[in-house]
Amino acid sequence: MENRYAAHPNEVKKYDTARLREEFLMEQLFAKDELVTVYSHVDRYIVGTAVTQSKDIALEVNLKDIGTDFFLERREIGIINVGGQGTVTADGEVYEIGAKECLYIGKGVKEVVFKSNGTEQAAQFYFVSTPAHHTYPTVKATQEQAQPNHLGSIESSNERTIYRYIHQGEGGIKSCQLVMGITELNKGNMWNTMPAHTHNRRSEVYLYWNLPEDGVVFHMMGEPDETRHLVVRDRQAIISPSWSIHSGVGTSNYTFCWAMAGENQTFEDMDGVAMKDLK
């Protein structure tokens, strides 16, 4: 399991591009028939993938890395399939998970296994795990059940649909602290959020996908008066610390998965940054 450590904003001001990418960008996140995991000391996220091309993959890591007897002993996990049809088995219970469908598994489940239904289009399971203090039931949600919320406009290049899977609001999958969903930009739209915002009470992880081979997203980060950017390609992810702005623009429309953890689970809890204050 790769480790990523927390960074102070005063130090980040001094980072060059290579160091920014090393600290915040997860470039090689998807690998066939392999469990890939990254441990972030920002809110103790574990971000990972399981691409089940030709074999089943169990959710097993070096337990010394997390100090427990099994992965979900003191954790919860949200899983979204960004590939073909597959299944996730949680302590013997099998869940069919299609593209852009979500499965939440609560604290205490001992065995999790990822599997594709066929090798022609492998299931590609992306997951985010956070510490948990209470057990909530394992629940699956389709994209239609995720309360689609249409926002933005073509005039501001941010016409998009937000799908909330794991959250404390009505109809959401209940969790201890994990909040997770998907945002899809309509064709001809590139901005995921502008004006930008921060939420010092919660950090965030972004996975960008549905980008063409030569497409990129310029992910904006840094303090509002000390901004930086990272060039992100298809199926790469970003660790976004709580003090950083949250925004980005692509060379075309794209999809991204967002996951949050921290002091609360209120999706609307954010501090807007006026355009005149950005530097």
Protein backbone atom coordinates (compact mmCIF):
# COMPACT_ATOMS: atom_id res chain seq x y z
CA MET A 1 0.00 0.00 0.00
CA GLU A 2 1.41 3.36 -1.03
CA ASN A 3 1.48 6.05 1.66
CA ARG A 4 0.74 9.74 1.15
CA TYR A 5 1.30 12.21 3.98
CA ALA A 6 -0.48 15.44 4.86
CA ALA A 7 1.06 18.71 3.63
CA HIS A 8 0.89 22.19 5.18
CA PRO A 9 -0.26 24.95 2.79
CA ASN A 10 2.82 27.05 3.58
CA GLU A 11 5.01 24.20 2.38
CA VAL A 12 2.92 23.55 -0.73
CA LYS A 13 3.61 27.10 -1.89
CA LYS A 14 7.20 26.02 -2.49
CA TYR A 15 6.41 22.84 -4.47
CA ASP A 16 7.28 22.56 -8.15
CA THR A 17 5.09 20.59 -10.57
CA ALA A 18 6.84 17.28 -9.94
CA ARG A 19 6.41 17.58 -6.17
CA LEU A 20 2.76 18.59 -6.47
CA ARG A 21 2.09 15.51 -8.59
CA GLU A 22 4.00 13.29 -6.20
CA GLU A 23 2.01 14.48 -3.19
CA PHE A 24 -1.52 14.88 -4.55
CA LEU A 25 -1.96 12.98 -7.83
CA MET A 26 -2.61 9.23 -8.09
CA GLU A 27 -1.48 8.44 -11.65
CA GLN A 28 -1.25 4.64 -11.80
CA LEU A 29 -4.43 3.70 -10.00
CA PHE A 30 -5.88 1.04 -12.32
CA ALA A 31 -4.05 -2.23 -13.02
CA LYS A 32 -5.53 -5.43 -14.47
CA ASP A 33 -6.11 -8.30 -12.02
CA GLU A 34 -4.53 -6.37 -9.17
CA LEU A 35 -5.66 -4.60 -6.01
CA VAL A 36 -4.15 -1.10 -5.99
CA THR A 37 -4.36 0.93 -2.76
CA VAL A 38 -3.16 4.34 -1.58
CA TYR A 39 -3.26 5.33 2.10
CA SER A 40 -3.65 9.07 2.65
CA HIS A 41 -2.96 10.59 6.05
CA VAL A 42 -5.44 13.32 5.07
CA ASP A 43 -8.52 12.10 7.00
CA ARG A 44 -7.11 8.53 6.80
CA TYR A 45 -8.54 7.75 3.37
CA ILE A 46 -7.70 4.51 1.64
CA VAL A 47 -8.28 4.92 -2.10
CA GLY A 48 -8.11 1.90 -4.35
CA THR A 49 -9.18 -0.08 -7.39
CA ALA A 50 -9.83 -3.67 -8.40
CA VAL A 51 -9.90 -4.35 -12.15
CA THR A 52 -11.08 -7.96 -12.41
CA GLN A 53 -9.96 -8.83 -15.94
CA SER A 54 -9.44 -12.59 -15.57
CA LYS A 55 -9.57 -13.39 -11.85
CA ASP A 56 -11.40 -12.50 -8.67
CA ILE A 57 -9.73 -9.97 -6.36
CA ALA A 58 -10.10 -9.99 -2.57
CA LEU A 59 -9.95 -6.81 -0.50
CA GLU A 60 -6.80 -7.79 1.37
CA VAL A 61 -3.88 -5.56 2.35
CA ASN A 62 -0.89 -5.79 4.65
CA LEU A 63 -2.74 -5.52 7.95
CA LYS A 64 0.25 -3.90 9.63
CA ASP A 65 -0.53 -0.82 7.50
CA ILE A 66 -3.89 -0.34 9.22
CA GLY A 67 -3.31 -2.09 12.55
CA THR A 68 -6.43 -4.30 12.54
CA ASP A 69 -7.25 -7.96 12.00
CA PHE A 70 -9.16 -7.35 8.73
CA PHE A 71 -9.69 -4.41 6.37
CA LEU A 72 -13.16 -3.31 7.52
CA GLU A 73 -12.73 -4.02 11.22
CA ARG A 74 -12.75 -0.27 11.95
CA ARG A 75 -13.54 1.08 8.48
CA GLU A 76 -16.37 1.57 5.99
CA ILE A 77 -16.09 1.60 2.21
CA GLY A 78 -17.88 3.04 -0.82
CA ILE A 79 -17.43 1.25 -4.15
CA ILE A 80 -18.39 2.55 -7.62
CA ASN A 81 -18.02 0.50 -10.78
CA VAL A 82 -16.49 2.53 -13.63
CA GLY A 83 -16.27 -0.45 -16.00
CA GLY A 84 -18.35 -3.44 -17.15
CA GLN A 85 -20.81 -5.56 -15.21
CA GLY A 86 -19.47 -7.29 -12.10
CA THR A 87 -20.22 -8.48 -8.61
CA VAL A 88 -19.03 -7.64 -5.13
CA THR A 89 -19.40 -10.34 -2.48
CA ALA A 90 -19.58 -9.16 1.14
CA ASP A 91 -19.41 -11.98 3.71
CA GLY A 92 -21.08 -14.36 1.27
CA GLU A 93 -23.79 -11.97 0.04
CA VAL A 94 -23.44 -11.31 -3.71
CA TYR A 95 -24.30 -7.88 -5.16
CA GLU A 96 -24.56 -7.26 -8.91
CA ILE A 97 -22.87 -3.93 -9.61
CA GLY A 98 -23.22 -2.35 -13.05
CA ALA A 99 -21.58 0.73 -14.51
CA LYS A 100 -21.94 3.83 -12.31
CA GLU A 101 -23.65 1.83 -9.57
CA CYS A 102 -22.53 2.12 -5.95
CA LEU A 103 -22.17 -0.33 -3.08
CA TYR A 104 -21.63 0.79 0.50
CA ILE A 105 -20.23 -1.79 2.95
CA GLY A 106 -20.23 -1.01 6.64
CA LYS A 107 -17.79 -1.66 9.44
CA GLY A 108 -17.34 -5.29 10.49
CA VAL A 109 -17.64 -7.13 7.18
CA LYS A 110 -14.71 -9.54 7.08
CA GLU A 111 -14.54 -10.71 3.46
CA VAL A 112 -15.00 -8.61 0.32
CA VAL A 113 -14.36 -10.08 -3.15
CA PHE A 114 -14.54 -8.30 -6.52
CA LYS A 115 -15.45 -10.20 -9.71
CA SER A 116 -16.27 -9.48 -13.37
CA ASN A 117 -19.21 -11.11 -15.11
CA GLY A 118 -17.10 -11.50 -18.26
CA THR A 119 -13.67 -10.64 -19.62
CA GLU A 120 -14.86 -8.72 -22.71
CA GLN A 121 -15.45 -5.57 -20.66
CA ALA A 122 -13.93 -6.02 -17.23
CA ALA A 123 -15.55 -4.55 -14.15
CA GLN A 124 -13.41 -1.72 -12.79
CA PHE A 125 -14.18 -1.14 -9.13
CA TYR A 126 -13.06 2.15 -7.64
CA PHE A 127 -13.35 2.53 -3.88
CA VAL A 128 -12.77 4.97 -1.04
CA SER A 129 -12.59 3.82 2.58
CA THR A 130 -12.65 5.91 5.76
CA PRO A 131 -12.47 5.09 9.48
CA ALA A 132 -15.83 4.22 11.07
CA HIS A 133 -17.13 4.00 14.63
CA HIS A 134 -20.57 2.48 13.94
CA THR A 135 -21.89 -0.30 11.70
CA TYR A 136 -24.34 0.71 8.99
CA PRO A 137 -25.91 -1.92 6.71
CA THR A 138 -24.50 -2.83 3.31
CA VAL A 139 -26.60 -1.07 0.64
CA LYS A 140 -26.50 -0.90 -3.16
CA ALA A 141 -27.72 2.11 -5.16
CA THR A 142 -28.21 2.49 -8.91
CA GLN A 143 -27.61 5.81 -10.64
CA GLU A 144 -31.38 6.33 -10.88
CA GLN A 145 -31.67 5.95 -7.10
CA ALA A 146 -28.97 8.56 -6.47
CA GLN A 147 -31.28 11.57 -6.60
CA PRO A 148 -30.04 13.27 -9.81
CA ASN A 149 -29.65 17.02 -9.34
CA HIS A 150 -29.22 19.15 -12.47
CA LEU A 151 -27.13 22.29 -11.99
CA GLY A 152 -25.31 24.97 -13.98
CA SER A 153 -25.81 26.25 -17.51
CA ILE A 154 -24.19 26.09 -20.91
CA GLU A 155 -23.54 29.85 -20.65
CA SER A 156 -21.15 29.23 -17.74
CA SER A 157 -19.83 25.95 -19.23
CA ASN A 158 -20.84 23.95 -16.15
CA GLU A 159 -24.17 22.29 -17.00
CA ARG A 160 -23.96 19.06 -15.04
CA THR A 161 -25.83 16.37 -13.12
CA ILE A 162 -24.84 15.41 -9.58
CA TYR A 163 -25.66 11.92 -8.30
CA ARG A 164 -25.45 11.55 -4.52
CA TYR A 165 -25.07 7.95 -3.37
CA ILE A 166 -23.69 7.98 0.17
CA HIS A 167 -24.91 10.89 2.30
CA GLN A 168 -27.05 11.61 5.34
CA GLY A 169 -29.89 13.32 3.49
CA GLU A 170 -33.23 11.75 2.72
CA GLY A 171 -32.86 8.74 0.44
CA GLY A 172 -29.09 8.55 0.82
CA ILE A 173 -27.04 5.56 1.94
CA LYS A 174 -26.17 6.10 5.59
CA SER A 175 -22.53 6.02 6.73
CA CYS A 176 -20.34 7.16 9.61
CA GLN A 177 -18.44 9.87 7.77
CA LEU A 178 -18.01 8.89 4.11
CA VAL A 179 -19.88 10.97 1.51
CA MET A 180 -19.66 9.81 -2.09
CA GLY A 181 -21.17 10.44 -5.50
CA ILE A 182 -20.67 11.17 -9.19
CA THR A 183 -20.88 14.34 -11.27
CA GLU A 184 -21.39 14.16 -15.04
CA LEU A 185 -20.82 17.20 -17.25
CA ASN A 186 -23.08 17.64 -20.25
CA LYS A 187 -21.54 17.77 -23.71
CA GLY A 188 -19.97 21.17 -24.37
CA ASN A 189 -19.35 21.87 -20.66
CA MET A 190 -15.93 21.82 -19.00
CA TRP A 191 -16.02 23.46 -15.54
CA ASN A 192 -16.91 21.27 -12.57
CA THR A 193 -17.07 24.19 -10.12
CA MET A 194 -16.53 27.89 -10.67
CA PRO A 195 -16.62 30.08 -8.65
CA ALA A 196 -14.36 27.90 -6.56
CA HIS A 197 -14.91 26.95 -2.94
CA THR A 198 -13.18 25.44 0.07
CA HIS A 199 -14.52 23.49 3.04
CA ASN A 200 -11.97 23.50 5.81
CA ARG A 201 -14.06 20.98 7.74
CA ARG A 202 -13.77 18.25 5.10
CA SER A 203 -11.20 16.97 2.64
CA GLU A 204 -12.03 15.35 -0.70
CA VAL A 205 -10.81 12.80 -3.23
CA TYR A 206 -11.59 13.16 -6.95
CA LEU A 207 -11.42 10.45 -9.63
CA TYR A 208 -11.68 11.80 -13.18
CA TRP A 209 -12.81 9.53 -16.01
CA ASN A 210 -14.65 9.41 -19.37
CA LEU A 211 -11.90 11.57 -20.85
CA PRO A 212 -10.62 10.92 -24.40
CA GLU A 213 -7.07 9.64 -24.78
CA ASP A 214 -5.72 13.12 -25.54
CA GLY A 215 -8.02 14.90 -23.07
CA VAL A 216 -6.99 16.39 -19.74
CA VAL A 217 -8.51 18.14 -16.74
CA PHE A 218 -6.72 21.08 -15.17
CA HIS A 219 -7.49 20.45 -11.50
CA MET A 220 -7.21 23.67 -9.49
CA MET A 221 -5.81 23.53 -5.99
CA GLY A 222 -4.02 25.61 -3.36
CA GLU A 223 -5.22 28.42 -1.13
CA PRO A 224 -7.50 30.95 -2.88
CA ASP A 225 -4.75 33.57 -3.01
CA GLU A 226 -1.99 31.07 -3.87
CA THR A 227 -3.46 28.76 -6.53
CA ARG A 228 -1.77 25.89 -8.32
CA HIS A 229 -2.96 23.32 -10.85
CA LEU A 230 -2.40 19.68 -11.74
CA VAL A 231 -2.89 18.17 -15.19
CA VAL A 232 -5.01 15.04 -14.75
CA ARG A 233 -5.76 12.33 -17.33
CA ASP A 234 -8.39 9.64 -17.66
CA ARG A 235 -8.79 7.43 -14.56
CA GLN A 236 -6.39 9.42 -12.43
CA ALA A 237 -7.32 10.72 -8.98
CA ILE A 238 -6.54 13.71 -6.77
CA ILE A 239 -6.25 14.09 -3.01
CA SER A 240 -7.70 17.51 -2.23
CA PRO A 241 -6.89 18.76 1.30
CA SER A 242 -9.45 20.77 3.23
CA TRP A 243 -7.59 24.09 2.91
CA SER A 244 -7.43 23.86 -0.88
CA ILE A 245 -9.89 25.23 -3.41
CA HIS A 246 -12.01 22.65 -5.22
CA SER A 247 -12.41 23.35 -8.91
CA GLY A 248 -11.31 22.17 -12.33
CA VAL A 249 -11.75 22.57 -16.08
CA GLY A 250 -11.31 20.03 -18.86
CA THR A 251 -10.55 20.07 -22.56
CA SER A 252 -13.98 18.44 -23.02
CA ASN A 253 -16.81 17.19 -20.83
CA TYR A 254 -15.99 14.36 -18.41
CA THR A 255 -17.24 12.48 -15.36
CA PHE A 256 -15.76 12.53 -11.88
CA CYS A 257 -16.36 10.68 -8.64
CA TRP A 258 -16.09 12.71 -5.46
CA ALA A 259 -15.66 11.36 -1.95
CA MET A 260 -15.46 13.39 1.25
CA ALA A 261 -14.63 12.82 4.90
CA GLY A 262 -14.21 15.07 7.91
CA GLU A 263 -16.26 16.88 10.52
CA ASN A 264 -19.69 16.59 8.89
CA GLN A 265 -21.63 15.02 6.01
CA THR A 266 -23.45 18.11 4.78
CA PHE A 267 -22.94 18.28 1.02
CA GLU A 268 -23.84 21.98 0.90
CA ASP A 269 -21.28 22.90 3.59
CA MET A 270 -18.78 24.92 1.59
CA ASP A 271 -17.16 28.35 1.72
CA GLY A 272 -17.44 30.14 -1.60
CA VAL A 273 -14.48 32.09 -2.94
CA ALA A 274 -15.32 35.32 -4.79
CA MET A 275 -13.76 35.59 -8.22
CA LYS A 276 -12.05 38.86 -7.17
CA ASP A 277 -10.21 36.98 -4.37
CA LEU A 278 -8.64 34.31 -6.59
CA LYS A 279 -4.95 34.73 -7.37
